[in-house]
Structure formats: C-alpha cells, structure tokens
Amino acid sequence: MPKMRRKSDLPTKTCAACGLPFTWRKKWERDWENVKFCSERCRGNRSAATPQAS
C-alpha cells in the first residue's frame, strides 16, 4: 500500500472564475491539465467573471 500524501503536497491551481486556489482531486486525475474551475458553480458563472470582448 502506498504512503499517504499530505494535502499540501498535492498540486494546486487558481480558479479561472473566482481566482481562489484549489488542489488536485482524485476525480481530476486523468484530466488535470484541462481543469480550470474549482467547482460546478464557478464553471456556471464563468461568463460573469471573464470580460466580454466587444
């Protein structure tokens, strides 16, 4: 059995919508490079957080 990892040892990213840091999750294991939002709520609010090009 592998050793446990501390949460502080896991990779982190900054959410594109809210700007808060979030850490790696097991469910994102295969797709970590493409994860941009910390939650479904931020994904739904992404248009409000990003400025629209005019």
C-alpha atoms as a PDB file:
ATOM      1  CA  MET A   1       0.000   0.000   0.000  1.00  0.00           C
ATOM      2  CA  PRO A   2       1.464   3.427  -0.969  1.00  0.00           C
ATOM      3  CA  LYS A   3       2.172   6.087   1.618  1.00  0.00           C
ATOM      4  CA  MET A   4      -0.452   8.733   2.226  1.00  0.00           C
ATOM      5  CA  ARG A   5       0.149  12.184   0.779  1.00  0.00           C
ATOM      6  CA  ARG A   6      -0.450  15.387   2.629  1.00  0.00           C
ATOM      7  CA  LYS A   7      -2.862  17.797   1.016  1.00  0.00           C
ATOM      8  CA  SER A   8      -0.104  20.422   0.981  1.00  0.00           C
ATOM      9  CA  ASP A   9       1.982  18.090  -1.231  1.00  0.00           C
ATOM     10  CA  LEU A  10      -0.692  17.948  -3.960  1.00  0.00           C
ATOM     11  CA  PRO A  11      -0.533  20.285  -6.979  1.00  0.00           C
ATOM     12  CA  THR A  12      -2.635  23.453  -6.914  1.00  0.00           C
ATOM     13  CA  LYS A  13      -4.183  25.785  -9.489  1.00  0.00           C
ATOM     14  CA  THR A  14      -6.052  29.077  -9.420  1.00  0.00           C
ATOM     15  CA  CYS A  15      -9.716  29.062 -10.435  1.00  0.00           C
ATOM     16  CA  ALA A  16     -10.384  30.986 -13.660  1.00  0.00           C
ATOM     17  CA  ALA A  17     -13.740  32.283 -12.367  1.00  0.00           C
ATOM     18  CA  CYS A  18     -13.257  33.175  -8.688  1.00  0.00           C
ATOM     19  CA  GLY A  19      -9.463  33.434  -8.516  1.00  0.00           C
ATOM     20  CA  LEU A  20      -9.158  31.222  -5.425  1.00  0.00           C
ATOM     21  CA  PRO A  21      -6.602  28.401  -5.246  1.00  0.00           C
ATOM     22  CA  PHE A  22      -7.783  24.791  -5.357  1.00  0.00           C
ATOM     23  CA  THR A  23      -5.947  21.478  -5.066  1.00  0.00           C
ATOM     24  CA  TRP A  24      -5.825  18.310  -7.112  1.00  0.00           C
ATOM     25  CA  ARG A  25      -8.672  15.811  -6.658  1.00  0.00           C
ATOM     26  CA  LYS A  26      -8.745  12.115  -7.486  1.00  0.00           C
ATOM     27  CA  LYS A  27     -11.649  12.608  -9.914  1.00  0.00           C
ATOM     28  CA  TRP A  28      -9.481  15.033 -11.938  1.00  0.00           C
ATOM     29  CA  GLU A  29      -6.607  12.540 -12.182  1.00  0.00           C
ATOM     30  CA  ARG A  30      -6.821  11.909 -15.947  1.00  0.00           C
ATOM     31  CA  ASP A  31      -7.763  15.469 -16.938  1.00  0.00           C
ATOM     32  CA  TRP A  32      -5.800  17.723 -14.542  1.00  0.00           C
ATOM     33  CA  GLU A  33      -4.193  19.728 -17.375  1.00  0.00           C
ATOM     34  CA  ASN A  34      -7.644  20.827 -18.615  1.00  0.00           C
ATOM     35  CA  VAL A  35      -9.238  21.635 -15.239  1.00  0.00           C
ATOM     36  CA  LYS A  36      -9.782  25.402 -14.969  1.00  0.00           C
ATOM     37  CA  PHE A  37     -12.570  25.827 -12.420  1.00  0.00           C
ATOM     38  CA  CYS A  38     -12.735  24.792  -8.765  1.00  0.00           C
ATOM     39  CA  SER A  39     -16.419  23.807  -8.821  1.00  0.00           C
ATOM     40  CA  GLU A  40     -19.541  23.412 -10.933  1.00  0.00           C
ATOM     41  CA  ARG A  41     -20.765  26.719  -9.540  1.00  0.00           C
ATOM     42  CA  CYS A  42     -17.691  28.554 -10.843  1.00  0.00           C
ATOM     43  CA  ARG A  43     -17.991  26.782 -14.182  1.00  0.00           C
ATOM     44  CA  GLY A  44     -21.578  28.032 -14.455  1.00  0.00           C
ATOM     45  CA  ASN A  45     -20.551  31.584 -13.512  1.00  0.00           C
ATOM     46  CA  ARG A  46     -17.538  31.723 -15.829  1.00  0.00           C
ATOM     47  CA  SER A  47     -19.180  34.168 -18.247  1.00  0.00           C
ATOM     48  CA  ALA A  48     -19.803  36.652 -15.437  1.00  0.00           C
ATOM     49  CA  ALA A  49     -16.176  36.542 -14.286  1.00  0.00           C
ATOM     50  CA  THR A  50     -14.474  36.848 -17.669  1.00  0.00           C
ATOM     51  CA  PRO A  51     -14.733  40.162 -19.510  1.00  0.00           C
ATOM     52  CA  GLN A  52     -16.564  40.023 -22.816  1.00  0.00           C
ATOM     53  CA  ALA A  53     -14.712  41.128 -25.944  1.00  0.00           C
ATOM     54  CA  SER A  54     -16.534  43.919 -27.764  1.00  0.00           C
END
